[in-house]
Amino acid sequence: MQILRSVADAASSPVALTIGNFDGVHLGHQAMLAKLRAAASVRGLPACVMTFEPHPREFFAPDQAPVRLTTLREKLETLRQCGVDRAYVLRFNFGLAQVTAQDFIERILVRGLGVRWLQVGDDFRFGARRAGDLAMLRAQAARYGYEVESMATVEVDGSRVSSTAVRETLASGDVARAGRLLGRPFSISGRVVRGDQLGRQLGFPTANVQIKHNRPPLTGIFAVELTRADGKRLQGVASLGVRPTVKARGAAPVLEVYIFDFKEEIYGELVQVDFLHKFRDEEKYVDLETLKQQIASDVADTRAYFSRRAA
C-alpha cells in the first residue's frame, strides 16, 4: 500500500476514494472498504483512503478528544490488510481546518486527487466550520464528474457499529463484544522494552510492550495472545494500567505480558497483543507479597481460561 502525506496540485490519474478517520477499522469501516474495492475494481481505479492525523477532535479540543483505538501505524497496517491501494494521511492543522467546503471539493478532491467515485458516511462533514456534507457532495457530483455514495449503518447484536461503541464496550470490560464489533480481537502493538524488572523479582518475568498513548481504551488484567514478528502466537496474562501498588499516582500506563512457558529474550521485537478476556480491574495491594499471590492467582485463572477455550 502506498502512503502519501499530501495531495498533489494536479492528479496524474483518477481514483476511487473513501474518507474517514477509521479509528479501529471496525466492521462498519470494513464494509466501506469492501464497497470501495468493488467500485474501484469495476472502474479500473486504485482504491484510496483519505484519513487525518491528528484526529480533528484532538486538534480542536485535545482534552475532550476520544481515546484512540489504534495508533496511526496500526490503522495503516489494517487498511493495507483490507486491500487499500493508497492511503492519503493529511496533517490536520490550522491550514486544513480553514479550507472551505467548496475549496475542499474543487482543489483537493477534484483537481488534486481526480476523484471519480467517492464514498462517505451518512454523517460525514467537511470544510471550515463543518459546512460541507453529503448533500453538498451530491449536488456537485454532475458538475465535477464524480459519483458519490453513502454507507449504510452496520449493526452487530442489534446495535450500530461505531468507534464510539467499541470504546464504550472496551471501557466496560467486555472485550469479547468489542472483538465482535471489530471483526477481530482488540489489540495493541508495540516493541518490547526494558522495564524495572519487578516481575522478574516476583517470579513472573514480563514482556513490557511500549504503548504510544497515555490513555488506553481499556485497563485491567486480561487473558491475551501475543503474536511475535515471525507469526508465532503465545498465550499469557497481561496487566494494562498504572500499577498502583508500586507506582505513584499519575504514573503512565504500562502493558506487561507474562508469557506462559517462555524464556527467550525478545527486547526490541515488535509484537501484537490480542485481548481475549478481562478478569478484573487493577487493585492496590498492601505489599509486594500480596501482589505476588494475586499474580499467581491471575496466572492460574488465565491457564484455566485457555484450557476451557481449547476444549
Protein backbone atom coordinates (compact mmCIF):
# COMPACT_ATOMS: atom_id res chain seq x y z
CA MET A 1 0.00 0.00 0.00
CA GLN A 2 1.31 3.43 -0.94
CA ILE A 3 1.21 6.08 1.82
CA LEU A 4 1.14 9.76 0.85
CA ARG A 5 1.29 12.71 3.24
CA SER A 6 -0.04 15.38 0.88
CA VAL A 7 -2.24 15.93 -2.16
CA ALA A 8 -0.68 16.97 -5.45
CA ASP A 9 -1.65 20.21 -7.21
CA ALA A 10 -2.95 18.16 -10.12
CA ALA A 11 -3.84 14.47 -10.19
CA SER A 12 -1.91 12.24 -12.57
CA SER A 13 -4.77 9.72 -12.77
CA PRO A 14 -8.30 9.33 -11.35
CA VAL A 15 -9.10 7.42 -8.14
CA ALA A 16 -11.89 5.86 -6.13
CA LEU A 17 -11.87 7.35 -2.63
CA THR A 18 -13.30 6.84 0.83
CA ILE A 19 -12.78 9.49 3.55
CA GLY A 20 -12.80 8.95 7.29
CA ASN A 21 -10.78 8.67 10.48
CA PHE A 22 -11.08 4.86 10.52
CA ASP A 23 -10.12 4.59 14.19
CA GLY A 24 -10.17 0.88 14.98
CA VAL A 25 -11.06 -0.11 11.39
CA HIS A 26 -14.16 -1.87 12.77
CA LEU A 27 -16.78 -3.86 10.84
CA GLY A 28 -18.51 -0.69 9.65
CA HIS A 29 -15.23 0.58 8.23
CA GLN A 30 -14.51 -2.81 6.73
CA ALA A 31 -17.87 -2.74 4.92
CA MET A 32 -16.94 0.68 3.49
CA LEU A 33 -13.58 -0.64 2.34
CA ALA A 34 -15.14 -3.69 0.71
CA LYS A 35 -17.53 -1.43 -1.20
CA LEU A 36 -14.59 0.82 -2.14
CA ARG A 37 -12.59 -2.10 -3.51
CA ALA A 38 -15.54 -3.37 -5.53
CA ALA A 39 -16.27 0.05 -7.04
CA ALA A 40 -12.59 0.65 -7.81
CA SER A 41 -12.25 -2.75 -9.48
CA VAL A 42 -15.26 -2.24 -11.75
CA ARG A 43 -13.96 1.18 -12.85
CA GLY A 44 -10.31 0.24 -13.13
CA LEU A 45 -9.29 2.75 -10.45
CA PRO A 46 -6.97 2.49 -7.44
CA ALA A 47 -8.82 2.05 -4.13
CA CYS A 48 -7.78 5.03 -1.99
CA VAL A 49 -8.47 6.18 1.56
CA MET A 50 -8.10 9.69 2.98
CA THR A 51 -7.59 9.99 6.72
CA PHE A 52 -6.33 12.68 9.09
CA GLU A 53 -3.55 12.94 11.67
CA PRO A 54 -4.20 14.00 14.33
CA HIS A 55 -7.92 13.34 14.63
CA PRO A 56 -9.69 16.71 14.16
CA ARG A 57 -11.16 16.47 17.64
CA GLU A 58 -7.65 16.02 19.05
CA PHE A 59 -6.62 19.20 17.24
CA PHE A 60 -9.54 21.38 18.34
CA ALA A 61 -10.08 20.03 21.88
CA PRO A 62 -7.28 17.66 22.95
CA ASP A 63 -8.63 17.33 26.50
CA GLN A 64 -12.03 16.24 25.21
CA ALA A 65 -10.93 14.01 22.33
CA PRO A 66 -11.84 10.31 22.50
CA VAL A 67 -9.17 7.78 23.34
CA ARG A 68 -7.63 6.17 20.30
CA LEU A 69 -8.36 2.56 19.43
CA THR A 70 -5.39 2.34 17.07
CA THR A 71 -2.15 4.17 16.51
CA LEU A 72 -1.56 5.55 13.04
CA ARG A 73 0.79 2.65 12.28
CA GLU A 74 -1.80 0.08 13.41
CA LYS A 75 -4.53 1.79 11.39
CA LEU A 76 -2.44 1.88 8.22
CA GLU A 77 -1.46 -1.76 8.60
CA THR A 78 -5.11 -2.78 8.96
CA LEU A 79 -6.07 -0.67 5.92
CA ARG A 80 -3.35 -2.49 3.97
CA GLN A 81 -4.75 -5.83 5.07
CA CYS A 82 -8.18 -4.68 3.87
CA GLY A 83 -6.87 -4.22 0.34
CA VAL A 84 -6.42 -0.44 0.15
CA ASP A 85 -4.04 0.58 -2.63
CA ARG A 86 -3.22 4.07 -1.45
CA ALA A 87 -3.66 5.98 1.81
CA TYR A 88 -3.56 9.78 1.97
CA VAL A 89 -2.66 10.82 5.53
CA LEU A 90 -3.35 14.55 5.71
CA ARG A 91 -1.89 16.57 8.54
CA PHE A 92 -4.82 18.22 10.31
CA ASN A 93 -3.67 21.73 11.22
CA PHE A 94 -4.93 25.32 11.09
CA GLY A 95 -4.40 25.45 7.35
CA LEU A 96 -6.52 22.40 6.63
CA ALA A 97 -9.13 23.46 9.18
CA GLN A 98 -9.63 26.75 7.30
CA VAL A 99 -10.18 25.18 3.87
CA THR A 100 -13.75 25.91 2.82
CA ALA A 101 -16.05 23.06 1.87
CA GLN A 102 -16.18 24.31 -1.72
CA ASP A 103 -12.40 24.54 -1.94
CA PHE A 104 -12.08 21.06 -0.45
CA ILE A 105 -14.22 19.70 -3.29
CA GLU A 106 -12.59 21.68 -6.08
CA ARG A 107 -8.93 21.81 -5.05
CA ILE A 108 -8.45 18.60 -3.09
CA LEU A 109 -11.00 16.08 -4.34
CA VAL A 110 -11.37 17.07 -7.99
CA ARG A 111 -8.13 18.77 -9.01
CA GLY A 112 -5.66 17.22 -6.57
CA LEU A 113 -6.96 13.66 -6.44
CA GLY A 114 -9.03 13.29 -9.59
CA VAL A 115 -11.85 11.58 -7.71
CA ARG A 116 -14.25 9.69 -9.95
CA TRP A 117 -16.02 7.64 -7.27
CA LEU A 118 -16.47 8.85 -3.70
CA GLN A 119 -17.92 7.19 -0.63
CA VAL A 120 -18.55 8.82 2.76
CA GLY A 121 -20.64 8.06 5.82
CA ASP A 122 -24.15 9.47 6.17
CA ASP A 123 -22.95 11.88 8.88
CA PHE A 124 -19.76 12.99 7.10
CA ARG A 125 -18.95 16.71 7.47
CA PHE A 126 -16.03 18.59 5.97
CA GLY A 127 -14.58 22.04 5.36
CA ALA A 128 -14.28 25.07 7.62
CA ARG A 129 -16.93 25.07 10.36
CA ARG A 130 -18.01 21.62 9.07
CA ALA A 131 -20.08 23.37 6.41
CA GLY A 132 -19.89 20.58 3.83
CA ASP A 133 -21.96 17.40 3.96
CA LEU A 134 -23.20 14.51 1.84
CA ALA A 135 -25.93 16.62 0.27
CA MET A 136 -23.36 19.17 -0.91
CA LEU A 137 -21.19 16.44 -2.43
CA ARG A 138 -24.18 15.01 -4.27
CA ALA A 139 -25.32 18.42 -5.51
CA GLN A 140 -21.95 18.99 -7.21
CA ALA A 141 -21.28 15.47 -8.47
CA ALA A 142 -22.55 16.02 -12.03
CA ARG A 143 -20.69 19.32 -12.35
CA TYR A 144 -17.33 17.79 -11.44
CA GLY A 145 -17.82 14.36 -12.96
CA TYR A 146 -17.71 12.09 -9.93
CA GLU A 147 -20.14 9.57 -8.45
CA VAL A 148 -20.89 9.77 -4.74
CA GLU A 149 -22.37 7.13 -2.46
CA SER A 150 -23.04 6.89 1.25
CA MET A 151 -22.51 3.92 3.50
CA ALA A 152 -25.42 2.39 5.34
CA THR A 153 -25.21 1.56 9.03
CA VAL A 154 -23.70 -1.80 10.00
CA GLU A 155 -25.16 -3.48 13.09
CA VAL A 156 -23.89 -6.19 15.43
CA ASP A 157 -26.07 -7.67 18.18
CA GLY A 158 -28.76 -5.15 17.23
CA SER A 159 -26.56 -2.09 17.77
CA ARG A 160 -24.81 0.26 15.35
CA VAL A 161 -21.12 -0.42 14.90
CA SER A 162 -19.02 2.69 15.53
CA SER A 163 -15.69 3.65 17.03
CA THR A 164 -17.61 5.13 19.97
CA ALA A 165 -19.40 1.83 20.56
CA VAL A 166 -16.08 -0.02 20.54
CA ARG A 167 -14.59 2.43 23.06
CA GLU A 168 -17.58 2.12 25.36
CA THR A 169 -17.52 -1.66 25.16
CA LEU A 170 -13.81 -1.83 25.95
CA ALA A 171 -14.22 0.60 28.85
CA SER A 172 -16.93 -1.67 30.28
CA GLY A 173 -14.56 -4.64 30.14
CA ASP A 174 -16.47 -6.66 27.54
CA VAL A 175 -13.54 -7.37 25.25
CA ALA A 176 -15.39 -10.27 23.60
CA ARG A 177 -18.14 -7.97 22.33
CA ALA A 178 -15.56 -5.40 21.29
CA GLY A 179 -13.99 -8.15 19.21
CA ARG A 180 -17.33 -8.78 17.51
CA LEU A 181 -17.65 -5.08 16.66
CA LEU A 182 -14.10 -5.02 15.30
CA GLY A 183 -14.31 -8.34 13.49
CA ARG A 184 -11.12 -9.40 15.32
CA PRO A 185 -9.79 -9.18 18.90
CA PHE A 186 -8.85 -5.73 20.11
CA SER A 187 -5.07 -5.50 20.05
CA ILE A 188 -2.16 -3.23 20.92
CA SER A 189 1.11 -3.40 19.01
CA GLY A 190 4.48 -2.15 20.17
CA ARG A 191 8.10 -3.00 20.75
CA VAL A 192 9.23 -4.95 23.79
CA VAL A 193 11.26 -2.62 26.01
CA ARG A 194 13.15 -2.99 29.27
CA GLY A 195 11.09 -2.38 32.37
CA ASP A 196 12.01 -2.13 36.04
CA GLN A 197 12.39 -5.94 36.35
CA LEU A 198 9.82 -6.13 39.17
CA GLY A 199 8.03 -9.05 37.53
CA ARG A 200 11.29 -10.98 37.43
CA GLN A 201 11.84 -10.28 41.13
CA LEU A 202 8.35 -11.61 41.89
CA GLY A 203 8.91 -14.78 39.85
CA PHE A 204 6.78 -13.69 36.88
CA PRO A 205 9.06 -12.03 34.29
CA THR A 206 7.07 -9.98 31.81
CA ALA A 207 7.44 -8.58 28.31
CA ASN A 208 6.92 -4.82 28.62
CA VAL A 209 5.20 -3.64 25.44
CA GLN A 210 5.67 0.02 24.61
CA ILE A 211 2.38 1.84 24.12
CA LYS A 212 2.14 5.14 22.27
CA HIS A 213 -0.69 6.85 24.13
CA ASN A 214 -1.21 7.60 27.81
CA ARG A 215 -4.96 6.96 27.54
CA PRO A 216 -5.53 3.33 26.52
CA PRO A 217 -9.19 2.43 25.89
CA LEU A 218 -9.12 -0.35 28.49
CA THR A 219 -7.30 -1.24 31.70
CA GLY A 220 -7.13 -4.27 33.95
CA ILE A 221 -5.95 -7.88 33.94
CA PHE A 222 -6.55 -9.93 30.79
CA ALA A 223 -6.06 -13.27 29.07
CA VAL A 224 -4.09 -12.43 25.94
CA GLU A 225 -2.31 -13.89 22.96
CA LEU A 226 0.96 -12.30 21.92
CA THR A 227 1.99 -12.57 18.29
CA ARG A 228 5.70 -12.34 17.53
CA ALA A 229 7.27 -10.92 14.38
CA ASP A 230 7.54 -14.43 12.90
CA GLY A 231 3.79 -15.00 13.36
CA LYS A 232 4.12 -17.35 16.32
CA ARG A 233 1.30 -16.90 18.84
CA LEU A 234 1.92 -17.26 22.57
CA GLN A 235 -0.58 -17.34 25.41
CA GLY A 236 -0.27 -15.31 28.58
CA VAL A 237 -1.77 -12.95 31.12
CA ALA A 238 -1.44 -9.19 30.76
CA SER A 239 -1.70 -6.22 33.06
CA LEU A 240 -2.53 -2.89 31.45
CA GLY A 241 -2.62 0.12 33.71
CA VAL A 242 -0.72 2.33 36.11
CA ARG A 243 0.39 -0.40 38.60
CA PRO A 244 -0.94 1.37 41.73
CA THR A 245 0.86 -0.95 44.17
CA VAL A 246 4.35 0.09 43.00
CA LYS A 247 3.90 3.42 41.21
CA ALA A 248 2.91 6.88 42.39
CA ARG A 249 -0.39 8.37 41.43
CA GLY A 250 -0.35 9.85 37.93
CA ALA A 251 2.11 7.31 36.51
CA ALA A 252 1.91 6.49 32.80
CA PRO A 253 0.09 3.25 31.91
CA VAL A 254 2.19 0.17 31.19
CA LEU A 255 1.37 -3.02 29.26
CA GLU A 256 3.09 -6.07 30.76
CA VAL A 257 2.61 -9.64 29.49
CA TYR A 258 3.62 -12.75 31.39
CA ILE A 259 4.04 -15.31 28.61
CA PHE A 260 3.42 -18.91 29.63
CA ASP A 261 6.34 -21.36 29.40
CA PHE A 262 8.60 -18.85 27.66
CA LYS A 263 12.17 -17.86 28.49
CA GLU A 264 13.53 -16.12 25.36
CA GLU A 265 14.82 -12.53 25.33
CA ILE A 266 12.72 -10.51 22.88
CA TYR A 267 13.76 -6.94 23.65
CA GLY A 268 13.27 -4.69 20.63
CA GLU A 269 10.88 -7.09 18.90
CA LEU A 270 7.62 -5.68 17.51
CA VAL A 271 4.72 -7.72 18.90
CA GLN A 272 0.94 -7.62 18.86
CA VAL A 273 -1.11 -8.32 21.98
CA ASP A 274 -4.69 -9.54 21.43
CA PHE A 275 -7.05 -9.02 24.40
CA LEU A 276 -9.38 -12.02 24.74
CA HIS A 277 -10.95 -11.86 28.20
CA LYS A 278 -10.93 -9.46 31.14
CA PHE A 279 -10.67 -10.93 34.64
CA ARG A 280 -10.63 -7.87 36.86
CA ASP A 281 -9.66 -4.24 37.32
CA GLU A 282 -6.33 -3.10 38.73
CA GLU A 283 -6.02 -3.04 42.51
CA LYS A 284 -3.59 -1.57 45.00
CA TYR A 285 -2.19 -4.15 47.42
CA VAL A 286 -0.71 -3.65 50.87
CA ASP A 287 2.67 -5.17 49.97
CA LEU A 288 4.58 -7.00 47.24
CA GLU A 289 3.90 -10.43 48.76
CA THR A 290 0.15 -9.87 48.45
CA LEU A 291 0.67 -8.68 44.88
CA LYS A 292 2.70 -11.82 44.12
CA GLN A 293 -0.08 -14.03 45.44
CA GLN A 294 -2.63 -12.22 43.28
CA ILE A 295 -0.43 -12.60 40.17
CA ALA A 296 -0.20 -16.35 40.85
CA SER A 297 -3.99 -16.47 41.07
CA ASP A 298 -4.33 -14.50 37.81
CA VAL A 299 -1.95 -16.91 36.08
CA ALA A 300 -4.00 -19.89 37.28
CA ASP A 301 -7.24 -18.26 36.13
CA THR A 302 -5.75 -17.49 32.71
CA ARG A 303 -4.44 -21.03 32.21
CA ALA A 304 -7.90 -22.32 33.10
CA TYR A 305 -9.45 -19.89 30.58
CA PHE A 306 -7.26 -21.17 27.76
CA SER A 307 -7.96 -24.78 28.75
CA ARG A 308 -11.71 -24.17 28.54
CA ARG A 309 -11.25 -22.35 25.25
CA ALA A 310 -9.37 -25.29 23.75
CA ALA A 311 -11.92 -27.87 24.91
